[in-house]
C-alpha atoms as a PDB file:
ATOM      1  CA  MET A   1      69.602  59.120 -19.505  1.00  0.00           C
ATOM      2  CA  ALA A   2      71.282  57.743 -15.937  1.00  0.00           C
ATOM      3  CA  THR A   3      69.428  54.990 -14.376  1.00  0.00           C
ATOM      4  CA  THR A   4      69.032  54.875 -10.550  1.00  0.00           C
ATOM      5  CA  ILE A   5      71.011  52.232  -8.822  1.00  0.00           C
ATOM      6  CA  ARG A   6      70.014  51.172  -5.098  1.00  0.00           C
ATOM      7  CA  PRO A   7      73.571  51.842  -3.049  1.00  0.00           C
ATOM      8  CA  ASP A   8      73.432  48.018  -2.242  1.00  0.00           C
ATOM      9  CA  ARG A   9      74.751  45.870  -3.883  1.00  0.00           C
ATOM     10  CA  VAL A  10      75.383  48.033  -6.921  1.00  0.00           C
ATOM     11  CA  SER A  11      78.092  45.679  -9.142  1.00  0.00           C
ATOM     12  CA  HIS A  12      75.236  43.090  -8.944  1.00  0.00           C
ATOM     13  CA  GLN A  13      72.602  45.601 -10.168  1.00  0.00           C
ATOM     14  CA  VAL A  14      74.934  46.823 -12.885  1.00  0.00           C
ATOM     15  CA  HIS A  15      75.804  43.325 -13.689  1.00  0.00           C
ATOM     16  CA  ASP A  16      72.121  42.462 -13.970  1.00  0.00           C
ATOM     17  CA  LEU A  17      71.264  45.785 -16.135  1.00  0.00           C
ATOM     18  CA  LEU A  18      74.242  44.911 -18.469  1.00  0.00           C
ATOM     19  CA  ARG A  19      73.192  41.103 -18.779  1.00  0.00           C
ATOM     20  CA  GLY A  20      69.861  41.702 -19.482  1.00  0.00           C
ATOM     21  CA  GLU A  21      70.915  44.134 -22.448  1.00  0.00           C
ATOM     22  CA  ILE A  22      73.201  41.511 -24.091  1.00  0.00           C
ATOM     23  CA  LEU A  23      70.924  38.760 -23.750  1.00  0.00           C
ATOM     24  CA  GLU A  24      67.749  40.804 -24.804  1.00  0.00           C
ATOM     25  CA  GLY A  25      70.097  42.047 -28.255  1.00  0.00           C
ATOM     26  CA  LEU A  26      70.405  45.722 -27.111  1.00  0.00           C
ATOM     27  CA  LEU A  27      74.209  44.904 -26.880  1.00  0.00           C
ATOM     28  CA  ALA A  28      74.267  42.743 -29.832  1.00  0.00           C
ATOM     29  CA  PRO A  29      77.541  40.244 -30.632  1.00  0.00           C
ATOM     30  CA  GLY A  30      80.783  41.996 -31.754  1.00  0.00           C
ATOM     31  CA  ASP A  31      79.180  45.643 -30.068  1.00  0.00           C
ATOM     32  CA  ALA A  32      82.244  47.680 -27.930  1.00  0.00           C
ATOM     33  CA  VAL A  33      80.811  47.848 -24.501  1.00  0.00           C
ATOM     34  CA  PRO A  34      80.904  51.561 -22.892  1.00  0.00           C
ATOM     35  CA  SER A  35      83.588  52.392 -20.921  1.00  0.00           C
ATOM     36  CA  GLU A  36      83.760  52.097 -17.191  1.00  0.00           C
ATOM     37  CA  ARG A  37      83.524  55.647 -17.009  1.00  0.00           C
ATOM     38  CA  VAL A  38      80.599  55.898 -19.243  1.00  0.00           C
ATOM     39  CA  LEU A  39      79.232  53.391 -17.213  1.00  0.00           C
ATOM     40  CA  ALA A  40      79.776  54.363 -14.085  1.00  0.00           C
ATOM     41  CA  GLU A  41      78.321  58.066 -14.704  1.00  0.00           C
ATOM     42  CA  ARG A  42      75.096  56.316 -16.823  1.00  0.00           C
ATOM     43  CA  PHE A  43      74.572  54.226 -13.492  1.00  0.00           C
ATOM     44  CA  GLY A  44      75.658  56.623 -11.249  1.00  0.00           C
ATOM     45  CA  VAL A  45      78.006  54.384  -8.900  1.00  0.00           C
ATOM     46  CA  ASN A  46      81.768  53.993  -9.424  1.00  0.00           C
ATOM     47  CA  ARG A  47      83.942  52.410 -11.442  1.00  0.00           C
ATOM     48  CA  HIS A  48      85.031  49.934  -9.058  1.00  0.00           C
ATOM     49  CA  ALA A  49      81.202  48.805  -9.089  1.00  0.00           C
ATOM     50  CA  VAL A  50      81.502  49.071 -12.840  1.00  0.00           C
ATOM     51  CA  ARG A  51      84.554  46.556 -13.044  1.00  0.00           C
ATOM     52  CA  GLU A  52      83.135  43.693 -10.933  1.00  0.00           C
ATOM     53  CA  ALA A  53      80.297  43.846 -12.960  1.00  0.00           C
ATOM     54  CA  LEU A  54      82.119  43.834 -16.201  1.00  0.00           C
ATOM     55  CA  LYS A  55      84.138  40.552 -14.673  1.00  0.00           C
ATOM     56  CA  ARG A  56      81.185  38.719 -13.694  1.00  0.00           C
ATOM     57  CA  LEU A  57      80.218  39.016 -17.303  1.00  0.00           C
ATOM     58  CA  GLU A  58      83.503  38.364 -18.681  1.00  0.00           C
ATOM     59  CA  GLU A  59      83.115  34.630 -16.357  1.00  0.00           C
ATOM     60  CA  ALA A  60      79.407  34.091 -17.639  1.00  0.00           C
ATOM     61  CA  GLY A  61      80.954  34.316 -21.041  1.00  0.00           C
ATOM     62  CA  LEU A  62      78.914  37.181 -22.391  1.00  0.00           C
ATOM     63  CA  ILE A  63      81.571  39.988 -22.745  1.00  0.00           C
ATOM     64  CA  GLU A  64      85.736  39.652 -23.570  1.00  0.00           C
ATOM     65  CA  ILE A  65      87.730  42.402 -21.865  1.00  0.00           C
ATOM     66  CA  ARG A  66      90.579  43.377 -23.878  1.00  0.00           C
ATOM     67  CA  GLN A  67      93.396  45.065 -21.897  1.00  0.00           C
ATOM     68  CA  GLY A  68      94.272  48.563 -23.854  1.00  0.00           C
ATOM     69  CA  GLY A  69      91.216  48.200 -26.266  1.00  0.00           C
ATOM     70  CA  SER A  70      87.311  48.135 -26.281  1.00  0.00           C
ATOM     71  CA  THR A  71      85.672  45.526 -24.063  1.00  0.00           C
ATOM     72  CA  ARG A  72      83.350  43.628 -26.738  1.00  0.00           C
ATOM     73  CA  VAL A  73      79.639  41.984 -26.784  1.00  0.00           C
ATOM     74  CA  LEU A  74      80.868  37.808 -27.270  1.00  0.00           C
ATOM     75  CA  ASN A  75      77.994  35.459 -29.020  1.00  0.00           C
ATOM     76  CA  TRP A  76      76.656  33.647 -26.161  1.00  0.00           C
ATOM     77  CA  ARG A  77      75.118  31.052 -28.016  1.00  0.00           C
ATOM     78  CA  ASP A  78      79.188  29.915 -28.536  1.00  0.00           C
ATOM     79  CA  THR A  79      80.798  30.965 -25.646  1.00  0.00           C
ATOM     80  CA  GLY A  80      77.983  30.580 -22.390  1.00  0.00           C
ATOM     81  CA  GLY A  81      77.319  28.016 -19.967  1.00  0.00           C
ATOM     82  CA  LEU A  82      74.097  26.307 -18.468  1.00  0.00           C
ATOM     83  CA  PRO A  83      74.284  29.475 -15.989  1.00  0.00           C
ATOM     84  CA  VAL A  84      73.113  31.398 -18.753  1.00  0.00           C
ATOM     85  CA  LEU A  85      69.921  29.210 -19.032  1.00  0.00           C
ATOM     86  CA  LEU A  86      68.879  30.847 -15.743  1.00  0.00           C
ATOM     87  CA  ASP A  87      69.342  34.055 -16.986  1.00  0.00           C
ATOM     88  CA  LEU A  88      67.540  33.761 -20.056  1.00  0.00           C
ATOM     89  CA  LEU A  89      64.874  32.125 -18.188  1.00  0.00           C
ATOM     90  CA  SER A  90      64.683  34.393 -15.252  1.00  0.00           C
ATOM     91  CA  ASP A  91      61.429  36.790 -14.604  1.00  0.00           C
ATOM     92  CA  ASN A  92      63.211  39.957 -15.582  1.00  0.00           C
ATOM     93  CA  LEU A  93      63.514  38.287 -19.370  1.00  0.00           C
ATOM     94  CA  ASP A  94      61.246  37.288 -22.225  1.00  0.00           C
ATOM     95  CA  PRO A  95      62.810  34.276 -23.431  1.00  0.00           C
ATOM     96  CA  PRO A  96      62.271  32.608 -26.847  1.00  0.00           C
ATOM     97  CA  MET A  97      60.355  29.564 -27.464  1.00  0.00           C
ATOM     98  CA  GLU A  98      63.217  27.938 -28.539  1.00  0.00           C
ATOM     99  CA  ILE A  99      65.103  28.711 -25.424  1.00  0.00           C
ATOM    100  CA  ALA A 100      62.168  26.930 -23.498  1.00  0.00           C
ATOM    101  CA  ARG A 101      62.584  23.939 -26.049  1.00  0.00           C
ATOM    102  CA  SER A 102      65.822  23.530 -25.412  1.00  0.00           C
ATOM    103  CA  VAL A 103      65.575  23.634 -21.554  1.00  0.00           C
ATOM    104  CA  VAL A 104      62.689  20.735 -22.076  1.00  0.00           C
ATOM    105  CA  GLU A 105      65.167  18.500 -24.513  1.00  0.00           C
ATOM    106  CA  MET A 106      68.116  18.571 -23.024  1.00  0.00           C
ATOM    107  CA  ARG A 107      66.015  17.514 -19.810  1.00  0.00           C
ATOM    108  CA  ALA A 108      64.784  14.707 -21.935  1.00  0.00           C
ATOM    109  CA  SER A 109      68.201  13.449 -23.138  1.00  0.00           C
ATOM    110  CA  ILE A 110      69.824  13.914 -19.565  1.00  0.00           C
ATOM    111  CA  GLY A 111      66.624  11.980 -17.789  1.00  0.00           C
ATOM    112  CA  VAL A 112      66.694   9.256 -20.302  1.00  0.00           C
ATOM    113  CA  ASP A 113      70.457   8.070 -20.127  1.00  0.00           C
ATOM    114  CA  ALA A 114      70.386   8.766 -16.227  1.00  0.00           C
ATOM    115  CA  ALA A 115      67.645   6.559 -15.852  1.00  0.00           C
ATOM    116  CA  ARG A 116      69.555   4.306 -17.624  1.00  0.00           C
ATOM    117  CA  HIS A 117      72.414   4.487 -15.785  1.00  0.00           C
ATOM    118  CA  CYS A 118      70.459   4.562 -12.713  1.00  0.00           C
ATOM    119  CA  ALA A 119      69.040   1.114 -13.279  1.00  0.00           C
ATOM    120  CA  VAL A 120      72.447  -0.497 -13.780  1.00  0.00           C
ATOM    121  CA  ARG A 121      74.514   1.139 -11.222  1.00  0.00           C
ATOM    122  CA  ALA A 122      72.224   1.765  -8.266  1.00  0.00           C
ATOM    123  CA  ASP A 123      72.104  -0.745  -5.492  1.00  0.00           C
ATOM    124  CA  PRO A 124      68.862  -2.896  -4.853  1.00  0.00           C
ATOM    125  CA  ASP A 125      68.080  -0.768  -1.936  1.00  0.00           C
ATOM    126  CA  ARG A 126      68.501   2.717  -3.743  1.00  0.00           C
ATOM    127  CA  ARG A 127      66.355   1.276  -6.544  1.00  0.00           C
ATOM    128  CA  ARG A 128      63.606  -0.220  -4.684  1.00  0.00           C
ATOM    129  CA  GLU A 129      63.436   3.762  -2.854  1.00  0.00           C
ATOM    130  CA  ILE A 130      62.893   5.044  -6.155  1.00  0.00           C
ATOM    131  CA  GLY A 131      60.141   2.535  -7.391  1.00  0.00           C
ATOM    132  CA  GLU A 132      58.563   4.076  -3.540  1.00  0.00           C
ATOM    133  CA  TYR A 133      59.083   7.414  -4.870  1.00  0.00           C
ATOM    134  CA  ALA A 134      57.432   6.905  -7.848  1.00  0.00           C
ATOM    135  CA  GLU A 135      54.469   5.110  -6.382  1.00  0.00           C
ATOM    136  CA  ALA A 136      54.175   8.426  -3.992  1.00  0.00           C
ATOM    137  CA  ALA A 137      53.821  10.971  -7.185  1.00  0.00           C
ATOM    138  CA  ALA A 138      51.942   8.826  -9.497  1.00  0.00           C
ATOM    139  CA  ASP A 139      49.293   8.952  -6.302  1.00  0.00           C
ATOM    140  CA  LEU A 140      49.659  12.558  -6.565  1.00  0.00           C
ATOM    141  CA  ILE A 141      48.184  13.293 -10.021  1.00  0.00           C
ATOM    142  CA  GLY A 142      45.044  14.968  -9.992  1.00  0.00           C
ATOM    143  CA  VAL A 143      45.096  15.475  -6.452  1.00  0.00           C
ATOM    144  CA  ASP A 144      47.657  18.043  -4.967  1.00  0.00           C
ATOM    145  CA  ASP A 145      49.604  19.961  -8.109  1.00  0.00           C
ATOM    146  CA  GLU A 146      51.998  21.174  -5.353  1.00  0.00           C
ATOM    147  CA  LYS A 147      52.891  17.915  -3.910  1.00  0.00           C
ATOM    148  CA  LEU A 148      52.767  16.342  -7.347  1.00  0.00           C
ATOM    149  CA  ASP A 149      55.682  19.042  -8.430  1.00  0.00           C
ATOM    150  CA  PHE A 150      57.785  18.165  -5.262  1.00  0.00           C
ATOM    151  CA  ALA A 151      57.514  14.609  -5.164  1.00  0.00           C
ATOM    152  CA  PHE A 152      57.987  14.029  -9.067  1.00  0.00           C
ATOM    153  CA  GLY A 153      61.229  16.496  -8.109  1.00  0.00           C
ATOM    154  CA  ILE A 154      62.237  14.154  -5.479  1.00  0.00           C
ATOM    155  CA  LEU A 155      61.840  11.481  -8.150  1.00  0.00           C
ATOM    156  CA  TRP A 156      64.443  12.459 -10.395  1.00  0.00           C
ATOM    157  CA  GLU A 157      66.687  13.845  -8.199  1.00  0.00           C
ATOM    158  CA  ALA A 158      67.232  10.173  -6.927  1.00  0.00           C
ATOM    159  CA  ILE A 159      67.040   8.597 -10.364  1.00  0.00           C
ATOM    160  CA  ILE A 160      69.801  11.141 -11.084  1.00  0.00           C
ATOM    161  CA  VAL A 161      71.940  10.353  -7.983  1.00  0.00           C
ATOM    162  CA  GLY A 162      71.647   6.584  -8.569  1.00  0.00           C
ATOM    163  CA  SER A 163      73.092   7.113 -12.251  1.00  0.00           C
ATOM    164  CA  ASP A 164      76.349   7.727 -10.466  1.00  0.00           C
ATOM    165  CA  ASN A 165      77.225  10.572 -12.703  1.00  0.00           C
ATOM    166  CA  ILE A 166      78.294  14.090 -11.506  1.00  0.00           C
ATOM    167  CA  ALA A 167      77.835  15.805 -14.911  1.00  0.00           C
ATOM    168  CA  TYR A 168      74.495  15.247 -15.070  1.00  0.00           C
ATOM    169  CA  ARG A 169      73.487  15.872 -11.118  1.00  0.00           C
ATOM    170  CA  LEU A 170      75.368  19.317 -11.883  1.00  0.00           C
ATOM    171  CA  ALA A 171      73.631  19.894 -15.047  1.00  0.00           C
ATOM    172  CA  PHE A 172      70.238  18.405 -13.672  1.00  0.00           C
ATOM    173  CA  ASN A 173      70.205  21.643 -10.658  1.00  0.00           C
ATOM    174  CA  SER A 174      70.702  24.014 -13.323  1.00  0.00           C
ATOM    175  CA  LEU A 175      67.973  22.576 -15.153  1.00  0.00           C
ATOM    176  CA  MET A 176      65.598  22.462 -12.612  1.00  0.00           C
ATOM    177  CA  LYS A 177      66.701  26.070 -11.408  1.00  0.00           C
ATOM    178  CA  ALA A 178      65.894  27.297 -14.964  1.00  0.00           C
ATOM    179  CA  VAL A 179      62.143  25.401 -14.924  1.00  0.00           C
ATOM    180  CA  LEU A 180      61.061  26.206 -11.440  1.00  0.00           C
ATOM    181  CA  LEU A 181      61.818  30.234 -12.582  1.00  0.00           C
ATOM    182  CA  LYS A 182      59.084  29.726 -15.001  1.00  0.00           C
ATOM    183  CA  SER A 183      56.252  28.716 -13.166  1.00  0.00           C
ATOM    184  CA  GLU A 184      54.092  28.550 -16.298  1.00  0.00           C
ATOM    185  CA  MET A 185      56.423  26.596 -17.740  1.00  0.00           C
ATOM    186  CA  ALA A 186      56.483  24.384 -14.985  1.00  0.00           C
ATOM    187  CA  LYS A 187      52.843  23.693 -15.414  1.00  0.00           C
ATOM    188  CA  ARG A 188      53.017  23.047 -18.806  1.00  0.00           C
ATOM    189  CA  ILE A 189      55.035  19.890 -18.373  1.00  0.00           C
ATOM    190  CA  ARG A 190      53.831  18.730 -14.992  1.00  0.00           C
ATOM    191  CA  PRO A 191      53.290  14.939 -15.652  1.00  0.00           C
ATOM    192  CA  GLN A 192      49.716  13.141 -16.130  1.00  0.00           C
ATOM    193  CA  ASN A 193      50.316   9.808 -16.577  1.00  0.00           C
ATOM    194  CA  ALA A 194      50.460   7.757 -13.424  1.00  0.00           C
ATOM    195  CA  ALA A 195      50.605   4.796 -15.094  1.00  0.00           C
ATOM    196  CA  LEU A 196      53.880   5.956 -16.414  1.00  0.00           C
ATOM    197  CA  ILE A 197      55.522   6.985 -13.074  1.00  0.00           C
ATOM    198  CA  ARG A 198      54.742   3.647 -11.681  1.00  0.00           C
ATOM    199  CA  GLN A 199      56.548   1.791 -14.771  1.00  0.00           C
ATOM    200  CA  LEU A 200      59.622   3.803 -14.724  1.00  0.00           C
ATOM    201  CA  GLY A 201      59.984   3.011 -10.819  1.00  0.00           C
ATOM    202  CA  GLU A 202      58.776  -0.810 -11.458  1.00  0.00           C
ATOM    203  CA  ALA A 203      61.580  -0.536 -14.183  1.00  0.00           C
ATOM    204  CA  ILE A 204      64.462   0.742 -12.679  1.00  0.00           C
ATOM    205  CA  ALA A 205      63.353  -1.651  -8.770  1.00  0.00           C
ATOM    206  CA  ALA A 206      63.978  -4.300 -11.399  1.00  0.00           C
ATOM    207  CA  GLY A 207      66.883  -2.958 -12.573  1.00  0.00           C
ATOM    208  CA  ASP A 208      65.571  -3.774 -16.115  1.00  0.00           C
ATOM    209  CA  GLU A 209      67.696  -0.991 -18.425  1.00  0.00           C
ATOM    210  CA  ALA A 210      65.568  -1.736 -21.697  1.00  0.00           C
ATOM    211  CA  ARG A 211      62.645  -1.111 -20.185  1.00  0.00           C
ATOM    212  CA  THR A 212      63.508   2.073 -18.212  1.00  0.00           C
ATOM    213  CA  VAL A 213      64.997   3.669 -21.202  1.00  0.00           C
ATOM    214  CA  GLU A 214      61.443   2.922 -23.372  1.00  0.00           C
ATOM    215  CA  VAL A 215      59.554   4.239 -20.297  1.00  0.00           C
ATOM    216  CA  ALA A 216      61.526   7.269 -19.810  1.00  0.00           C
ATOM    217  CA  ARG A 217      61.551   8.452 -23.226  1.00  0.00           C
ATOM    218  CA  SER A 218      58.128   7.786 -23.438  1.00  0.00           C
ATOM    219  CA  MET A 219      57.403  10.170 -19.868  1.00  0.00           C
ATOM    220  CA  LEU A 220      59.615  12.561 -21.395  1.00  0.00           C
ATOM    221  CA  GLU A 221      60.267  13.389 -24.756  1.00  0.00           C
ATOM    222  CA  PRO A 222      56.651  14.049 -25.384  1.00  0.00           C
ATOM    223  CA  ASP A 223      57.051  17.310 -23.398  1.00  0.00           C
ATOM    224  CA  ILE A 224      59.212  18.235 -26.113  1.00  0.00           C
ATOM    225  CA  LYS A 225      56.448  18.957 -28.563  1.00  0.00           C
ATOM    226  CA  VAL A 226      54.879  21.266 -26.355  1.00  0.00           C
ATOM    227  CA  PHE A 227      57.285  23.930 -27.020  1.00  0.00           C
ATOM    228  CA  GLU A 228      57.447  23.518 -30.416  1.00  0.00           C
ATOM    229  CA  THR A 229      54.596  25.378 -31.770  1.00  0.00           C
END
């Protein structure tokens, strides 16, 4: 049965529909993707739009386009990258618990190590500023959740920048987008312990690497258990 697509941005819409079928398992690893002609007829678009959509799927590591052969679905767990997290957590998909847990687990891993580097590498002014951000965030617990989420995000952005690790910064960007796409997920891991936030700010401000690791781990790792049941 044909699927109606708006005339604007047709290649993006074809991409999104096919991506959803792949990530939801309707097109499984090893399956042949229908030909450009078949897809064009199915979606009621021209073959150029289909070709552009398939190219984007290949760039994301979701399919393999073989010249002269069938285009095949890949196992995105083996070939995909961080952008796939955004797809898996988008509002159009129902991600399994393992995906939510994996995101929070990676967040904790990066967060603890980034905080450690920040305590050592950031200059005193940056570390003092982070201490102030921590105080501001801690003061908002139980007062205003929306402002708390913003302040906590500012705190961790400053910590990531202070770690002086570009890979962590790029990964953090993707992880934060992934979490923000799911408001319920963000709500479940909203910080509740003002003392821990203040302690983290104090440890980083003091340049205390060991204490920073201890506090950051106590803050972030318990969130993983929220998605283990």
